[in-house]
C-alpha atoms as a PDB file:
ATOM      1  CA  MET A   1      87.445  71.014  63.090  1.00  0.00           C
ATOM      2  CA  ALA A   2      86.655  68.313  65.138  1.00  0.00           C
ATOM      3  CA  PRO A   3      88.095  69.019  68.796  1.00  0.00           C
ATOM      4  CA  PRO A   4      90.693  66.672  70.034  1.00  0.00           C
ATOM      5  CA  PRO A   5      89.780  63.772  72.261  1.00  0.00           C
ATOM      6  CA  PHE A   6      89.738  64.600  75.794  1.00  0.00           C
ATOM      7  CA  SER A   7      92.268  63.908  78.213  1.00  0.00           C
ATOM      8  CA  TRP A   8      93.394  64.798  81.676  1.00  0.00           C
ATOM      9  CA  THR A   9      96.788  64.408  80.628  1.00  0.00           C
ATOM     10  CA  SER A  10      96.569  66.737  77.774  1.00  0.00           C
ATOM     11  CA  PRO A  11      99.758  68.596  76.493  1.00  0.00           C
ATOM     12  CA  ALA A  12      97.896  71.354  74.803  1.00  0.00           C
ATOM     13  CA  ILE A  13     100.150  74.586  75.128  1.00  0.00           C
ATOM     14  CA  HIS A  14      99.544  77.924  73.925  1.00  0.00           C
ATOM     15  CA  GLY A  15     103.091  79.740  72.894  1.00  0.00           C
ATOM     16  CA  ASP A  16     101.380  83.365  73.334  1.00  0.00           C
ATOM     17  CA  VAL A  17     100.531  82.478  77.133  1.00  0.00           C
ATOM     18  CA  LEU A  18     103.964  80.772  77.778  1.00  0.00           C
ATOM     19  CA  LEU A  19     105.714  83.850  76.031  1.00  0.00           C
ATOM     20  CA  GLY A  20     103.600  86.254  78.160  1.00  0.00           C
ATOM     21  CA  ALA A  21     104.276  84.446  81.639  1.00  0.00           C
ATOM     22  CA  GLY A  22     107.842  84.003  80.681  1.00  0.00           C
ATOM     23  CA  LEU A  23     108.446  87.541  79.792  1.00  0.00           C
ATOM     24  CA  LEU A  24     106.726  88.775  82.797  1.00  0.00           C
ATOM     25  CA  ALA A  25     108.805  86.182  84.945  1.00  0.00           C
ATOM     26  CA  ALA A  26     111.712  87.484  83.044  1.00  0.00           C
ATOM     27  CA  ALA A  27     111.310  90.923  83.657  1.00  0.00           C
ATOM     28  CA  TYR A  28     110.114  90.300  87.429  1.00  0.00           C
ATOM     29  CA  ALA A  29     113.387  88.302  88.411  1.00  0.00           C
ATOM     30  CA  LEU A  30     115.532  91.198  86.416  1.00  0.00           C
ATOM     31  CA  ALA A  31     114.038  94.114  88.672  1.00  0.00           C
ATOM     32  CA  TRP A  32     114.334  91.583  91.939  1.00  0.00           C
ATOM     33  CA  THR A  33     117.949  91.246  91.368  1.00  0.00           C
ATOM     34  CA  ARG A  34     118.338  95.033  91.863  1.00  0.00           C
ATOM     35  CA  ARG A  35     116.796  94.689  95.341  1.00  0.00           C
ATOM     36  CA  PRO A  36     118.930  91.787  97.245  1.00  0.00           C
ATOM     37  CA  ASN A  37     118.606  90.651 100.695  1.00  0.00           C
ATOM     38  CA  ARG A  38     114.719  90.556 100.396  1.00  0.00           C
ATOM     39  CA  GLY A  39     112.259  87.596 101.619  1.00  0.00           C
ATOM     40  CA  ALA A  40     110.653  84.907  99.502  1.00  0.00           C
ATOM     41  CA  ARG A  41     106.955  85.674 100.073  1.00  0.00           C
ATOM     42  CA  GLU A  42     106.645  88.082  97.277  1.00  0.00           C
ATOM     43  CA  PRO A  43     108.603  86.149  94.626  1.00  0.00           C
ATOM     44  CA  ALA A  44     106.520  83.203  95.511  1.00  0.00           C
ATOM     45  CA  LEU A  45     102.953  84.947  95.548  1.00  0.00           C
ATOM     46  CA  PHE A  46     104.089  86.340  91.854  1.00  0.00           C
ATOM     47  CA  LEU A  47     105.337  83.148  90.477  1.00  0.00           C
ATOM     48  CA  GLY A  48     102.287  81.371  91.855  1.00  0.00           C
ATOM     49  CA  GLY A  49      99.864  83.705  89.916  1.00  0.00           C
ATOM     50  CA  LEU A  50     101.948  82.803  86.837  1.00  0.00           C
ATOM     51  CA  LEU A  51     101.498  79.458  87.587  1.00  0.00           C
ATOM     52  CA  VAL A  52      97.816  79.531  88.035  1.00  0.00           C
ATOM     53  CA  LEU A  53      97.592  81.432  84.888  1.00  0.00           C
ATOM     54  CA  LEU A  54      99.587  78.624  82.996  1.00  0.00           C
ATOM     55  CA  VAL A  55      97.156  76.155  84.247  1.00  0.00           C
ATOM     56  CA  ALA A  56      93.959  77.905  83.309  1.00  0.00           C
ATOM     57  CA  LEU A  57      95.253  78.689  80.069  1.00  0.00           C
ATOM     58  CA  ASN A  58      96.962  74.948  79.071  1.00  0.00           C
ATOM     59  CA  GLY A  59      96.597  71.434  79.262  1.00  0.00           C
ATOM     60  CA  PRO A  60      92.927  69.634  80.126  1.00  0.00           C
ATOM     61  CA  VAL A  61      91.814  73.017  81.484  1.00  0.00           C
ATOM     62  CA  HIS A  62      92.093  74.767  78.179  1.00  0.00           C
ATOM     63  CA  ASP A  63      90.533  71.338  76.217  1.00  0.00           C
ATOM     64  CA  LEU A  64      87.566  71.530  78.565  1.00  0.00           C
ATOM     65  CA  SER A  65      86.834  75.073  78.258  1.00  0.00           C
ATOM     66  CA  ASP A  66      87.497  75.597  74.684  1.00  0.00           C
ATOM     67  CA  PHE A  67      85.924  72.319  73.305  1.00  0.00           C
ATOM     68  CA  TYR A  68      83.513  70.757  75.454  1.00  0.00           C
ATOM     69  CA  LEU A  69      82.031  72.587  78.948  1.00  0.00           C
ATOM     70  CA  PHE A  70      80.790  75.786  79.459  1.00  0.00           C
ATOM     71  CA  SER A  71      81.311  74.852  83.480  1.00  0.00           C
ATOM     72  CA  ALA A  72      84.970  74.359  82.721  1.00  0.00           C
ATOM     73  CA  HIS A  73      84.883  77.830  80.820  1.00  0.00           C
ATOM     74  CA  MET A  74      83.789  79.535  83.974  1.00  0.00           C
ATOM     75  CA  VAL A  75      86.443  77.656  86.230  1.00  0.00           C
ATOM     76  CA  GLN A  76      88.872  79.178  83.858  1.00  0.00           C
ATOM     77  CA  HIS A  77      87.366  82.761  84.250  1.00  0.00           C
ATOM     78  CA  LEU A  78      87.394  82.444  87.962  1.00  0.00           C
ATOM     79  CA  LEU A  79      90.956  81.470  88.142  1.00  0.00           C
ATOM     80  CA  LEU A  80      92.023  84.627  85.721  1.00  0.00           C
ATOM     81  CA  THR A  81      89.551  86.982  87.775  1.00  0.00           C
ATOM     82  CA  LEU A  82      89.681  85.934  91.453  1.00  0.00           C
ATOM     83  CA  VAL A  83      92.944  84.113  91.948  1.00  0.00           C
ATOM     84  CA  VAL A  84      95.698  85.342  89.216  1.00  0.00           C
ATOM     85  CA  PRO A  85      95.284  88.967  89.672  1.00  0.00           C
ATOM     86  CA  PRO A  86      95.490  88.851  93.951  1.00  0.00           C
ATOM     87  CA  LEU A  87      98.652  86.845  93.672  1.00  0.00           C
ATOM     88  CA  LEU A  88     100.211  89.237  91.103  1.00  0.00           C
ATOM     89  CA  LEU A  89      99.370  92.181  93.247  1.00  0.00           C
ATOM     90  CA  GLY A  90     100.426  90.455  96.426  1.00  0.00           C
ATOM     91  CA  GLY A  91     103.558  89.789  95.032  1.00  0.00           C
ATOM     92  CA  THR A  92     104.604  92.677  93.360  1.00  0.00           C
ATOM     93  CA  PRO A  93     106.450  95.114  96.057  1.00  0.00           C
ATOM     94  CA  ALA A  94     105.734  98.665  95.885  1.00  0.00           C
ATOM     95  CA  TRP A  95     109.328 100.048  94.620  1.00  0.00           C
ATOM     96  CA  MET A  96     108.844  97.519  91.483  1.00  0.00           C
ATOM     97  CA  ILE A  97     105.629  99.246  90.331  1.00  0.00           C
ATOM     98  CA  ASP A  98     105.978 102.565  91.485  1.00  0.00           C
ATOM     99  CA  ALA A  99     108.905 103.044  89.141  1.00  0.00           C
ATOM    100  CA  PRO A 100     106.994 102.957  86.044  1.00  0.00           C
ATOM    101  CA  LEU A 101     103.964 104.609  87.231  1.00  0.00           C
ATOM    102  CA  ALA A 102     106.288 107.744  88.445  1.00  0.00           C
ATOM    103  CA  ALA A 103     107.157 107.646  84.676  1.00  0.00           C
ATOM    104  CA  LEU A 104     103.710 107.574  83.502  1.00  0.00           C
ATOM    105  CA  ARG A 105     102.682 110.277  85.951  1.00  0.00           C
ATOM    106  CA  ARG A 106     105.132 112.805  84.332  1.00  0.00           C
ATOM    107  CA  TRP A 107     102.621 112.908  81.618  1.00  0.00           C
ATOM    108  CA  ARG A 108      99.615 114.844  82.884  1.00  0.00           C
ATOM    109  CA  TRP A 109      96.659 112.670  81.564  1.00  0.00           C
ATOM    110  CA  GLY A 110      98.808 109.655  82.528  1.00  0.00           C
ATOM    111  CA  ARG A 111      98.472 110.929  85.793  1.00  0.00           C
ATOM    112  CA  VAL A 112      94.994 111.497  86.182  1.00  0.00           C
ATOM    113  CA  VAL A 113      93.962 108.386  84.298  1.00  0.00           C
ATOM    114  CA  THR A 114      95.904 106.221  86.663  1.00  0.00           C
ATOM    115  CA  ARG A 115      94.300 107.862  89.403  1.00  0.00           C
ATOM    116  CA  ALA A 116      90.912 107.483  87.801  1.00  0.00           C
ATOM    117  CA  VAL A 117      90.727 103.844  87.140  1.00  0.00           C
ATOM    118  CA  THR A 118      92.240 103.039  90.450  1.00  0.00           C
ATOM    119  CA  ARG A 119      89.530 104.351  92.523  1.00  0.00           C
ATOM    120  CA  PRO A 120      86.927 102.231  93.923  1.00  0.00           C
ATOM    121  CA  ALA A 121      83.887 102.908  91.883  1.00  0.00           C
ATOM    122  CA  PRO A 122      85.680 103.104  88.632  1.00  0.00           C
ATOM    123  CA  ALA A 123      87.266 100.275  88.973  1.00  0.00           C
ATOM    124  CA  LEU A 124      84.612  98.092  90.160  1.00  0.00           C
ATOM    125  CA  GLY A 125      82.725  99.466  87.328  1.00  0.00           C
ATOM    126  CA  LEU A 126      84.948  98.694  84.545  1.00  0.00           C
ATOM    127  CA  TYR A 127      85.262  94.844  86.217  1.00  0.00           C
ATOM    128  CA  ALA A 128      81.771  94.556  86.004  1.00  0.00           C
ATOM    129  CA  VAL A 129      81.132  95.912  82.234  1.00  0.00           C
ATOM    130  CA  ALA A 130      84.081  93.204  81.292  1.00  0.00           C
ATOM    131  CA  LEU A 131      82.341  90.620  82.889  1.00  0.00           C
ATOM    132  CA  VAL A 132      78.702  91.379  81.943  1.00  0.00           C
ATOM    133  CA  GLY A 133      80.050  92.257  78.104  1.00  0.00           C
ATOM    134  CA  TRP A 134      82.022  89.234  77.718  1.00  0.00           C
ATOM    135  CA  HIS A 135      79.535  86.940  79.119  1.00  0.00           C
ATOM    136  CA  LEU A 136      76.606  88.265  76.729  1.00  0.00           C
ATOM    137  CA  PRO A 137      76.048  85.478  74.159  1.00  0.00           C
ATOM    138  CA  GLY A 138      76.930  87.368  71.381  1.00  0.00           C
ATOM    139  CA  PRO A 139      80.501  88.702  72.475  1.00  0.00           C
ATOM    140  CA  TYR A 140      80.895  85.420  74.412  1.00  0.00           C
ATOM    141  CA  ASN A 141      80.296  83.004  70.972  1.00  0.00           C
ATOM    142  CA  THR A 142      82.688  85.303  69.097  1.00  0.00           C
ATOM    143  CA  ALA A 143      85.332  85.088  71.478  1.00  0.00           C
ATOM    144  CA  LEU A 144      85.016  80.958  71.070  1.00  0.00           C
ATOM    145  CA  GLU A 145      85.085  81.153  67.761  1.00  0.00           C
ATOM    146  CA  ARG A 146      88.000  83.544  66.776  1.00  0.00           C
ATOM    147  CA  HIS A 147      90.942  83.035  68.857  1.00  0.00           C
ATOM    148  CA  ALA A 148      91.872  86.718  68.764  1.00  0.00           C
ATOM    149  CA  TRP A 149      88.659  87.674  70.190  1.00  0.00           C
ATOM    150  CA  HIS A 150      89.354  84.997  72.841  1.00  0.00           C
ATOM    151  CA  VAL A 151      93.006  86.326  73.374  1.00  0.00           C
ATOM    152  CA  ALA A 152      91.351  89.766  73.794  1.00  0.00           C
ATOM    153  CA  GLU A 153      88.598  88.530  76.393  1.00  0.00           C
ATOM    154  CA  HIS A 154      91.081  86.819  78.699  1.00  0.00           C
ATOM    155  CA  LEU A 155      93.433  90.088  78.570  1.00  0.00           C
ATOM    156  CA  VAL A 156      90.513  92.184  79.314  1.00  0.00           C
ATOM    157  CA  LEU A 157      89.194  90.044  82.301  1.00  0.00           C
ATOM    158  CA  ILE A 158      92.550  90.063  83.728  1.00  0.00           C
ATOM    159  CA  ALA A 159      93.420  93.601  83.446  1.00  0.00           C
ATOM    160  CA  THR A 160      89.866  95.209  84.810  1.00  0.00           C
ATOM    161  CA  ALA A 161      90.302  92.495  87.872  1.00  0.00           C
ATOM    162  CA  ILE A 162      93.502  93.824  88.692  1.00  0.00           C
ATOM    163  CA  LEU A 163      91.785  97.428  88.863  1.00  0.00           C
ATOM    164  CA  ALA A 164      89.042  95.723  90.950  1.00  0.00           C
ATOM    165  CA  TRP A 165      91.610  94.291  93.302  1.00  0.00           C
ATOM    166  CA  TRP A 166      93.686  97.371  93.489  1.00  0.00           C
ATOM    167  CA  PRO A 167      91.555  99.369  96.104  1.00  0.00           C
ATOM    168  CA  VAL A 168      92.198  96.443  98.522  1.00  0.00           C
ATOM    169  CA  LEU A 169      95.575  94.988  97.272  1.00  0.00           C
ATOM    170  CA  SER A 170      97.472  97.651  95.936  1.00  0.00           C
ATOM    171  CA  PRO A 171     100.975  97.673  96.732  1.00  0.00           C
ATOM    172  CA  SER A 172     101.975 101.354  95.351  1.00  0.00           C
ATOM    173  CA  ARG A 173     102.523 104.826  97.138  1.00  0.00           C
ATOM    174  CA  TYR A 174     101.463 106.676  94.532  1.00  0.00           C
ATOM    175  CA  LEU A 175      97.905 105.001  94.054  1.00  0.00           C
ATOM    176  CA  PRO A 176      97.653 103.039  97.765  1.00  0.00           C
ATOM    177  CA  ARG A 177      95.141 100.794  98.552  1.00  0.00           C
ATOM    178  CA  LEU A 178      92.164 101.857 100.878  1.00  0.00           C
ATOM    179  CA  HIS A 179      92.167 102.124 104.527  1.00  0.00           C
ATOM    180  CA  TYR A 180      90.875  98.954 106.491  1.00  0.00           C
ATOM    181  CA  GLY A 181      87.552 100.586 106.832  1.00  0.00           C
ATOM    182  CA  PRO A 182      86.711 101.315 103.621  1.00  0.00           C
ATOM    183  CA  GLN A 183      88.135  98.283 102.252  1.00  0.00           C
ATOM    184  CA  ILE A 184      85.673  96.016 104.391  1.00  0.00           C
ATOM    185  CA  LEU A 185      82.931  98.147 102.758  1.00  0.00           C
ATOM    186  CA  TYR A 186      84.287  97.604  99.190  1.00  0.00           C
ATOM    187  CA  LEU A 187      84.436  94.105  99.718  1.00  0.00           C
ATOM    188  CA  PHE A 188      80.837  93.875 100.407  1.00  0.00           C
ATOM    189  CA  ALA A 189      80.199  94.706  96.647  1.00  0.00           C
ATOM    190  CA  PHE A 190      83.081  93.277  95.134  1.00  0.00           C
ATOM    191  CA  GLY A 191      81.101  90.012  94.429  1.00  0.00           C
ATOM    192  CA  MET A 192      78.219  91.671  92.874  1.00  0.00           C
ATOM    193  CA  PRO A 193      79.221  91.829  89.254  1.00  0.00           C
ATOM    194  CA  MET A 194      79.843  87.981  89.201  1.00  0.00           C
ATOM    195  CA  THR A 195      76.805  87.185  90.942  1.00  0.00           C
ATOM    196  CA  VAL A 196      74.776  89.412  88.542  1.00  0.00           C
ATOM    197  CA  VAL A 197      76.395  87.350  85.765  1.00  0.00           C
ATOM    198  CA  ALA A 198      75.962  84.177  87.415  1.00  0.00           C
ATOM    199  CA  ALA A 199      72.096  84.616  88.346  1.00  0.00           C
ATOM    200  CA  MET A 200      71.486  85.645  84.549  1.00  0.00           C
ATOM    201  CA  ILE A 201      73.397  82.237  83.612  1.00  0.00           C
ATOM    202  CA  THR A 202      71.899  79.829  86.048  1.00  0.00           C
ATOM    203  CA  GLY A 203      68.325  81.259  85.520  1.00  0.00           C
ATOM    204  CA  ALA A 204      67.969  81.230  82.250  1.00  0.00           C
ATOM    205  CA  GLU A 205      65.791  78.624  80.478  1.00  0.00           C
ATOM    206  CA  HIS A 206      67.161  77.570  77.418  1.00  0.00           C
ATOM    207  CA  VAL A 207      71.086  77.523  76.057  1.00  0.00           C
ATOM    208  CA  LEU A 208      72.688  80.900  75.978  1.00  0.00           C
ATOM    209  CA  TYR A 209      75.457  79.848  73.918  1.00  0.00           C
ATOM    210  CA  PRO A 210      75.265  77.961  70.645  1.00  0.00           C
ATOM    211  CA  PHE A 211      78.711  76.850  70.609  1.00  0.00           C
ATOM    212  CA  TYR A 212      78.532  74.621  73.843  1.00  0.00           C
ATOM    213  CA  ALA A 213      75.002  73.418  72.665  1.00  0.00           C
ATOM    214  CA  ALA A 214      77.026  71.874  69.486  1.00  0.00           C
ATOM    215  CA  ALA A 215      80.015  70.621  71.511  1.00  0.00           C
ATOM    216  CA  PRO A 216      80.625  67.009  72.251  1.00  0.00           C
ATOM    217  CA  ARG A 217      79.086  65.649  75.463  1.00  0.00           C
ATOM    218  CA  LEU A 218      81.314  64.447  78.242  1.00  0.00           C
ATOM    219  CA  TRP A 219      79.930  62.732  81.390  1.00  0.00           C
ATOM    220  CA  ASP A 220      76.011  62.806  80.191  1.00  0.00           C
ATOM    221  CA  LEU A 221      76.240  66.327  80.986  1.00  0.00           C
ATOM    222  CA  THR A 222      73.530  68.152  79.051  1.00  0.00           C
ATOM    223  CA  PRO A 223      74.164  71.652  77.670  1.00  0.00           C
ATOM    224  CA  LEU A 224      71.577  73.083  79.743  1.00  0.00           C
ATOM    225  CA  ALA A 225      72.832  71.365  82.675  1.00  0.00           C
ATOM    226  CA  ASP A 226      76.499  72.328  81.869  1.00  0.00           C
ATOM    227  CA  GLN A 227      75.449  75.891  81.989  1.00  0.00           C
ATOM    228  CA  ARG A 228      73.655  75.958  85.097  1.00  0.00           C
ATOM    229  CA  LEU A 229      76.622  74.078  86.593  1.00  0.00           C
ATOM    230  CA  GLY A 230      78.857  76.804  85.045  1.00  0.00           C
ATOM    231  CA  GLY A 231      76.520  79.543  86.408  1.00  0.00           C
ATOM    232  CA  LEU A 232      76.702  77.705  90.167  1.00  0.00           C
ATOM    233  CA  ILE A 233      80.465  77.659  89.805  1.00  0.00           C
ATOM    234  CA  MET A 234      80.264  81.365  89.244  1.00  0.00           C
ATOM    235  CA  TRP A 235      78.119  82.019  92.037  1.00  0.00           C
ATOM    236  CA  VAL A 236      79.599  80.672  95.054  1.00  0.00           C
ATOM    237  CA  PRO A 237      83.193  81.622  94.703  1.00  0.00           C
ATOM    238  CA  ALA A 238      81.832  85.124  93.846  1.00  0.00           C
ATOM    239  CA  GLY A 239      80.497  84.922  97.472  1.00  0.00           C
ATOM    240  CA  VAL A 240      83.258  82.941  99.064  1.00  0.00           C
ATOM    241  CA  ILE A 241      86.438  84.879  97.973  1.00  0.00           C
ATOM    242  CA  PRO A 242      85.405  88.203  98.850  1.00  0.00           C
ATOM    243  CA  LEU A 243      84.412  86.772 102.307  1.00  0.00           C
ATOM    244  CA  VAL A 244      87.942  85.268 102.818  1.00  0.00           C
ATOM    245  CA  ALA A 245      89.390  88.573 101.695  1.00  0.00           C
ATOM    246  CA  PHE A 246      87.107  90.277 104.354  1.00  0.00           C
ATOM    247  CA  THR A 247      87.803  88.235 106.972  1.00  0.00           C
ATOM    248  CA  ILE A 248      91.770  88.951 106.350  1.00  0.00           C
ATOM    249  CA  VAL A 249      91.466  92.338 106.305  1.00  0.00           C
ATOM    250  CA  PHE A 250      89.164  92.569 109.251  1.00  0.00           C
ATOM    251  CA  PHE A 251      91.899  90.277 111.033  1.00  0.00           C
ATOM    252  CA  ARG A 252      94.716  92.940 110.025  1.00  0.00           C
ATOM    253  CA  TRP A 253      92.649  96.071 110.812  1.00  0.00           C
ATOM    254  CA  VAL A 254      92.164  94.565 114.491  1.00  0.00           C
ATOM    255  CA  ALA A 255      96.236  93.578 114.817  1.00  0.00           C
ATOM    256  CA  ASP A 256      96.971  96.745 113.838  1.00  0.00           C
ATOM    257  CA  GLU A 257      94.843  98.476 116.117  1.00  0.00           C
ATOM    258  CA  ALA A 258      96.293  96.484 118.747  1.00  0.00           C
ATOM    259  CA  ASP A 259      99.658  97.547 117.722  1.00  0.00           C
ATOM    260  CA  ASP A 260      98.874 101.007 117.349  1.00  0.00           C
ATOM    261  CA  ASP A 261      97.324 101.051 121.343  1.00  0.00           C
ATOM    262  CA  GLU A 262     100.630  99.408 122.486  1.00  0.00           C
ATOM    263  CA  ARG A 263     102.820 101.982 121.167  1.00  0.00           C
ATOM    264  CA  ALA A 264     100.896 104.722 122.289  1.00  0.00           C
ATOM    265  CA  ALA A 265     101.264 103.307 125.662  1.00  0.00           C
ATOM    266  CA  ASP A 266     104.603 102.947 125.313  1.00  0.00           C
ATOM    267  CA  GLU A 267     104.859 106.635 124.580  1.00  0.00           C
ATOM    268  CA  ASP A 268     103.207 107.648 127.628  1.00  0.00           C
ATOM    269  CA  LEU A 269     105.752 105.919 129.749  1.00  0.00           C
ATOM    270  CA  PRO A 270     108.357 107.933 131.363  1.00  0.00           C
ATOM    271  CA  ILE A 271     112.167 107.926 129.828  1.00  0.00           C
ATOM    272  CA  GLY A 272     113.313 104.471 130.368  1.00  0.00           C
ATOM    273  CA  GLY A 273     109.929 102.965 131.649  1.00  0.00           C
ATOM    274  CA  ARG A 274     108.242 100.045 130.133  1.00  0.00           C
ATOM    275  CA  LEU A 275     105.074  98.314 130.867  1.00  0.00           C
ATOM    276  CA  LEU A 276     105.886  94.760 132.548  1.00  0.00           C
END
């Protein structure tokens, strides 16, 4: 089947994506109404994550990645792994995620599995396996040729990316995030899986994905140039986004230490006394 003519105003919409995002938004709104008088920051983050998800999987980004350019597909994967998961986690309060976790943890194996997959090494390991596995030529081309496999690819990438972000952004009291120091060490390793994939793709001397070799050309971009551009698109954010997260964690750590020092100083004062 010939791909549709590309347009920056493409109306391409996936019903399954709209349904999934709509159900998540409805479930979130229903839970939120049970906790009135809360701020708007968390809902804004969560809905922002759903909006990025919709942009990544519909419209011109969808058309470019599914029919024309490998590099556009890498933009899509970056949004699904480095933008959507932290927004969803940042927008989910502890009380909202701990209720289903508490039910799951009543089952012994549920408790064991949830704890295991959210620990730093297994979480990052699962994310690395998913990234490398889905970007190998065989699975990647299968996902492009069969819609069901493409859906599975995106779901696996999002799910494992949420696990990979968990040690830094977990809102749960049952499965909490790491302390600031270990978070910083973890973020040093966080970008490595994507860097490995990007290096593999950028350094290839031939086109790895036959689907894009046969795709219609846009903007005189050859298949190999498109592939190398996609590798670079992955490479740079794989280093920049963890660095941004590292910086945020570091300054939060400094601020918390300053608050702890101030509280300790206040506790050393006599009753009624206070530093000027």
